[in-house]
Every structure is written in C-alpha cells, then in structure tokens.
Amino acid sequence: MKKAVIGDPDPDFMTTSHCERLTLTVRMQNRRYTRLTNAHSKTIAYHRWALAMQVVFYNWCRVNSALKITPAQASGLAEYRFTFKDLLRLKMWGEVEAA
C-alpha cells in the first residue's frame, strides 16, 4: 500500500523510479556522493552547500533535453534561463558558517 509522507501526491502516479532517478542524477553530477573519489567535504556545512549549488543549477540553469527549457521555467517559477552569474547574485548564499 502506498502512503504519502509529505504533500498530497496522487497515489496513481507514485513510484520509486522517480526517487531512484533523482538519486542517480545527484550521484553522477555531484562527486561527493560516489565512493571512489577524493572529492569530499571536511564539514557537513560544505557538503550541504555543494548539494544546494548542484540542485539550484540543475533546476534553474540547466536546460532539460526533453523540455528544451529549465525545470524552473517549465513549472512557471522563472521567465528565463538563469546564468551562473545570476546564481552568484542571489542573496540566499550569504556567508558560509565556519565549523
């Protein structure tokens, strides 16, 4: 039996393949999640920032090959494709906490 943990998804469209695809994408694009690599974070704060940057870039800058636009544009959150300079100007980055 399928059970929603967060939100109100339609049970007819709930599947583990979406989670598996997301996990694969994160592992392939962010080398901090693969085993045989030296790219690692010394602190959890840097690990979180690396993941945040990857997710923001994936949704706001990277054009989806099937959609021909970014996921943010497809969902109506953005009117244009963000550049990396646009991401650096966001106030959400602030200062990284020293651990």
N, C-alpha and C. Protein backbone atom coordinates (compact mmCIF):
# COMPACT_ATOMS: atom_id res chain seq x y z
N MET A 1 0.84 -1.18 0.00
CA MET A 1 0.00 0.00 0.00
C MET A 1 0.88 1.24 0.00
N LYS A 2 0.58 2.17 -0.88
CA LYS A 2 1.34 3.41 -0.98
C LYS A 2 0.84 4.41 0.04
N LYS A 3 1.79 5.14 0.65
CA LYS A 3 1.45 6.13 1.66
C LYS A 3 2.25 7.40 1.41
N ALA A 4 1.58 8.54 1.35
CA ALA A 4 2.26 9.82 1.17
C ALA A 4 2.90 10.23 2.49
N VAL A 5 4.16 10.63 2.44
CA VAL A 5 4.86 11.08 3.63
C VAL A 5 4.80 12.60 3.71
N ILE A 6 4.97 13.26 2.57
CA ILE A 6 4.94 14.73 2.51
C ILE A 6 4.04 15.15 1.36
N GLY A 7 3.24 16.17 1.55
CA GLY A 7 2.42 16.70 0.49
C GLY A 7 1.16 15.89 0.26
N ASP A 8 0.58 16.09 -0.93
CA ASP A 8 -0.67 15.42 -1.28
C ASP A 8 -0.56 14.86 -2.70
N PRO A 9 0.35 13.89 -2.93
CA PRO A 9 0.51 13.35 -4.28
C PRO A 9 -0.63 12.41 -4.66
N ASP A 10 -0.82 12.26 -5.96
CA ASP A 10 -1.82 11.32 -6.46
C ASP A 10 -1.24 9.91 -6.39
N PRO A 11 -1.84 9.00 -5.64
CA PRO A 11 -1.30 7.64 -5.48
C PRO A 11 -1.15 6.88 -6.80
N ASP A 12 -1.93 7.25 -7.82
CA ASP A 12 -1.81 6.57 -9.11
C ASP A 12 -0.48 6.87 -9.81
N PHE A 13 0.15 7.98 -9.44
CA PHE A 13 1.40 8.38 -10.08
C PHE A 13 2.60 8.23 -9.16
N MET A 14 2.42 7.67 -7.99
CA MET A 14 3.53 7.47 -7.05
C MET A 14 4.34 6.24 -7.46
N THR A 15 5.66 6.42 -7.59
CA THR A 15 6.53 5.33 -7.97
C THR A 15 7.93 5.56 -7.43
N THR A 16 8.65 4.48 -7.19
CA THR A 16 10.02 4.63 -6.68
C THR A 16 10.99 5.02 -7.77
N SER A 17 10.60 4.88 -9.03
CA SER A 17 11.54 5.21 -10.12
C SER A 17 11.92 6.69 -10.11
N HIS A 18 11.02 7.56 -9.66
CA HIS A 18 11.36 8.99 -9.58
C HIS A 18 12.46 9.22 -8.55
N CYS A 19 12.34 8.59 -7.40
CA CYS A 19 13.36 8.72 -6.35
C CYS A 19 14.68 8.12 -6.80
N GLU A 20 14.62 6.98 -7.45
CA GLU A 20 15.84 6.34 -7.93
C GLU A 20 16.53 7.19 -8.99
N ARG A 21 15.77 7.82 -9.88
CA ARG A 21 16.33 8.67 -10.91
C ARG A 21 16.98 9.91 -10.28
N LEU A 22 16.33 10.50 -9.28
CA LEU A 22 16.89 11.65 -8.58
C LEU A 22 18.20 11.28 -7.89
N THR A 23 18.22 10.13 -7.23
CA THR A 23 19.44 9.68 -6.55
C THR A 23 20.57 9.48 -7.54
N LEU A 24 20.28 8.86 -8.68
CA LEU A 24 21.30 8.65 -9.70
C LEU A 24 21.83 9.97 -10.24
N THR A 25 20.94 10.90 -10.50
CA THR A 25 21.35 12.21 -11.01
C THR A 25 22.26 12.92 -10.01
N VAL A 26 21.90 12.92 -8.74
CA VAL A 26 22.73 13.56 -7.72
C VAL A 26 24.10 12.89 -7.65
N ARG A 27 24.12 11.56 -7.66
CA ARG A 27 25.40 10.84 -7.58
C ARG A 27 26.28 11.11 -8.78
N MET A 28 25.71 11.21 -9.95
CA MET A 28 26.50 11.41 -11.17
C MET A 28 26.97 12.86 -11.32
N GLN A 29 26.19 13.81 -10.86
CA GLN A 29 26.56 15.22 -11.02
C GLN A 29 27.35 15.76 -9.85
N ASN A 30 27.24 15.16 -8.70
CA ASN A 30 27.93 15.64 -7.51
C ASN A 30 28.82 14.51 -7.01
N ARG A 31 30.08 14.59 -7.29
CA ARG A 31 31.01 13.51 -6.99
C ARG A 31 31.19 13.26 -5.50
N ARG A 32 30.63 14.07 -4.66
CA ARG A 32 30.72 13.85 -3.22
C ARG A 32 29.87 12.66 -2.79
N TYR A 33 29.00 12.20 -3.68
CA TYR A 33 28.12 11.08 -3.36
C TYR A 33 28.57 9.76 -3.96
N THR A 34 29.71 9.75 -4.63
CA THR A 34 30.21 8.48 -5.16
C THR A 34 31.31 7.97 -4.24
N ARG A 35 31.56 6.70 -4.28
CA ARG A 35 32.51 6.11 -3.33
C ARG A 35 33.97 6.35 -3.69
N LEU A 36 34.37 6.01 -4.88
CA LEU A 36 35.78 6.02 -5.25
C LEU A 36 36.22 7.38 -5.76
N THR A 37 36.25 8.36 -4.88
CA THR A 37 36.66 9.71 -5.26
C THR A 37 37.30 10.42 -4.08
N ASN A 38 38.10 11.41 -4.38
CA ASN A 38 38.72 12.22 -3.33
C ASN A 38 37.93 13.50 -3.07
N ALA A 39 36.88 13.73 -3.83
CA ALA A 39 36.06 14.93 -3.65
C ALA A 39 35.13 14.72 -2.46
N HIS A 40 35.54 15.22 -1.34
CA HIS A 40 34.72 15.07 -0.13
C HIS A 40 34.73 16.38 0.65
N SER A 41 33.81 16.52 1.56
CA SER A 41 33.71 17.71 2.38
C SER A 41 34.24 17.40 3.77
N LYS A 42 35.00 18.33 4.32
CA LYS A 42 35.50 18.13 5.68
C LYS A 42 34.43 18.45 6.72
N THR A 43 33.49 19.28 6.35
CA THR A 43 32.41 19.63 7.29
C THR A 43 31.07 19.42 6.62
N ILE A 44 30.06 19.20 7.41
CA ILE A 44 28.71 19.00 6.87
C ILE A 44 28.18 20.27 6.22
N ALA A 45 28.62 21.44 6.69
CA ALA A 45 28.16 22.70 6.09
C ALA A 45 28.60 22.80 4.64
N TYR A 46 29.85 22.43 4.34
CA TYR A 46 30.34 22.47 2.96
C TYR A 46 29.64 21.42 2.11
N HIS A 47 29.34 20.29 2.69
CA HIS A 47 28.61 19.24 1.98
C HIS A 47 27.21 19.73 1.60
N ARG A 48 26.55 20.39 2.52
CA ARG A 48 25.22 20.93 2.24
C ARG A 48 25.26 22.00 1.16
N TRP A 49 26.28 22.87 1.20
CA TRP A 49 26.41 23.92 0.18
C TRP A 49 26.66 23.31 -1.19
N ALA A 50 27.47 22.27 -1.26
CA ALA A 50 27.74 21.61 -2.55
C ALA A 50 26.45 21.03 -3.12
N LEU A 51 25.66 20.39 -2.28
CA LEU A 51 24.39 19.83 -2.74
C LEU A 51 23.43 20.94 -3.15
N ALA A 52 23.36 22.01 -2.38
CA ALA A 52 22.47 23.13 -2.71
C ALA A 52 22.83 23.74 -4.06
N MET A 53 24.12 23.93 -4.30
CA MET A 53 24.54 24.51 -5.58
C MET A 53 24.19 23.60 -6.75
N GLN A 54 24.36 22.30 -6.56
CA GLN A 54 24.05 21.35 -7.62
C GLN A 54 22.55 21.36 -7.92
N VAL A 55 21.72 21.36 -6.90
CA VAL A 55 20.27 21.34 -7.09
C VAL A 55 19.78 22.64 -7.73
N VAL A 56 20.29 23.77 -7.29
CA VAL A 56 19.89 25.06 -7.87
C VAL A 56 20.31 25.13 -9.33
N PHE A 57 21.54 24.73 -9.63
CA PHE A 57 21.99 24.75 -11.02
C PHE A 57 21.14 23.83 -11.89
N TYR A 58 20.85 22.64 -11.39
CA TYR A 58 20.06 21.66 -12.15
C TYR A 58 18.67 22.19 -12.48
N ASN A 59 18.04 22.89 -11.56
CA ASN A 59 16.67 23.34 -11.76
C ASN A 59 16.54 24.71 -12.42
N TRP A 60 17.53 25.58 -12.28
CA TRP A 60 17.39 26.95 -12.76
C TRP A 60 18.29 27.29 -13.95
N CYS A 61 19.39 26.57 -14.16
CA CYS A 61 20.33 26.90 -15.23
C CYS A 61 20.38 25.86 -16.36
N ARG A 62 20.32 24.60 -15.99
CA ARG A 62 20.50 23.52 -16.95
C ARG A 62 19.22 23.29 -17.75
N VAL A 63 19.35 23.30 -19.07
CA VAL A 63 18.21 23.07 -19.94
C VAL A 63 17.92 21.57 -20.00
N ASN A 64 16.68 21.20 -19.76
CA ASN A 64 16.25 19.81 -19.84
C ASN A 64 16.10 19.45 -21.31
N SER A 65 16.72 18.34 -21.71
CA SER A 65 16.71 17.98 -23.13
C SER A 65 15.31 17.66 -23.65
N ALA A 66 14.44 17.13 -22.82
CA ALA A 66 13.08 16.82 -23.27
C ALA A 66 12.20 18.07 -23.31
N LEU A 67 12.39 18.95 -22.35
CA LEU A 67 11.54 20.15 -22.26
C LEU A 67 12.05 21.31 -23.11
N LYS A 68 13.35 21.33 -23.38
CA LYS A 68 14.03 22.42 -24.11
C LYS A 68 14.07 23.72 -23.32
N ILE A 69 13.70 23.66 -22.05
CA ILE A 69 13.80 24.79 -21.13
C ILE A 69 14.21 24.22 -19.76
N THR A 70 14.47 25.09 -18.81
CA THR A 70 14.85 24.62 -17.48
C THR A 70 13.60 24.14 -16.73
N PRO A 71 13.77 23.28 -15.72
CA PRO A 71 12.63 22.87 -14.92
C PRO A 71 11.92 24.05 -14.24
N ALA A 72 12.67 25.07 -13.84
CA ALA A 72 12.07 26.24 -13.20
C ALA A 72 11.17 26.99 -14.19
N GLN A 73 11.59 27.07 -15.44
CA GLN A 73 10.76 27.70 -16.46
C GLN A 73 9.51 26.86 -16.74
N ALA A 74 9.69 25.56 -16.80
CA ALA A 74 8.57 24.67 -17.10
C ALA A 74 7.50 24.73 -16.02
N SER A 75 7.92 24.94 -14.78
CA SER A 75 6.95 25.00 -13.68
C SER A 75 6.41 26.41 -13.46
N GLY A 76 6.88 27.39 -14.22
CA GLY A 76 6.39 28.75 -14.11
C GLY A 76 7.07 29.57 -13.03
N LEU A 77 8.18 29.08 -12.48
CA LEU A 77 8.90 29.81 -11.44
C LEU A 77 9.86 30.85 -12.01
N ALA A 78 10.25 30.70 -13.26
CA ALA A 78 11.20 31.62 -13.89
C ALA A 78 10.74 31.95 -15.30
N GLU A 79 11.05 33.17 -15.74
CA GLU A 79 10.69 33.57 -17.09
C GLU A 79 11.83 33.35 -18.08
N TYR A 80 13.05 33.17 -17.55
CA TYR A 80 14.21 32.98 -18.40
C TYR A 80 15.18 31.99 -17.74
N ARG A 81 16.13 31.52 -18.53
CA ARG A 81 17.14 30.59 -18.03
C ARG A 81 18.19 31.39 -17.26
N PHE A 82 18.42 31.01 -16.01
CA PHE A 82 19.42 31.69 -15.20
C PHE A 82 20.81 31.35 -15.69
N THR A 83 21.72 32.31 -15.58
CA THR A 83 23.13 32.05 -15.86
C THR A 83 23.82 31.82 -14.53
N PHE A 84 25.06 31.38 -14.59
CA PHE A 84 25.81 31.16 -13.35
C PHE A 84 26.01 32.48 -12.61
N LYS A 85 26.16 33.57 -13.35
CA LYS A 85 26.28 34.90 -12.71
C LYS A 85 25.01 35.25 -11.94
N ASP A 86 23.87 34.91 -12.50
CA ASP A 86 22.60 35.15 -11.80
C ASP A 86 22.56 34.41 -10.47
N LEU A 87 23.03 33.17 -10.47
CA LEU A 87 23.04 32.37 -9.23
C LEU A 87 23.96 32.98 -8.18
N LEU A 88 25.09 33.50 -8.61
CA LEU A 88 26.03 34.09 -7.65
C LEU A 88 25.49 35.37 -7.03
N ARG A 89 24.57 36.03 -7.71
CA ARG A 89 23.98 37.27 -7.19
C ARG A 89 22.84 37.03 -6.20
N LEU A 90 22.36 35.80 -6.07
CA LEU A 90 21.26 35.52 -5.15
C LEU A 90 21.66 35.78 -3.71
N LYS A 91 20.76 36.35 -2.95
CA LYS A 91 21.04 36.66 -1.55
C LYS A 91 21.02 35.43 -0.66
N MET A 92 20.48 34.33 -1.17
CA MET A 92 20.37 33.11 -0.35
C MET A 92 21.72 32.53 0.03
N TRP A 93 22.79 32.84 -0.73
CA TRP A 93 24.08 32.22 -0.44
C TRP A 93 24.69 32.77 0.83
N GLY A 94 24.64 34.07 1.04
CA GLY A 94 25.16 34.65 2.27
C GLY A 94 26.59 34.21 2.56
N GLU A 95 26.90 34.07 3.81
CA GLU A 95 28.22 33.62 4.25
C GLU A 95 28.15 32.19 4.72
N VAL A 96 29.17 31.41 4.42
CA VAL A 96 29.24 30.03 4.89
C VAL A 96 29.72 30.04 6.33
N GLU A 97 29.02 29.29 7.19
CA GLU A 97 29.41 29.21 8.59
C GLU A 97 30.74 28.48 8.74
N ALA A 98 31.60 29.01 9.56
CA ALA A 98 32.85 28.32 9.86
C ALA A 98 32.57 27.26 10.91
N ALA A 99 33.02 26.07 10.64
CA ALA A 99 32.74 24.97 11.58
C ALA A 99 33.88 24.76 12.55
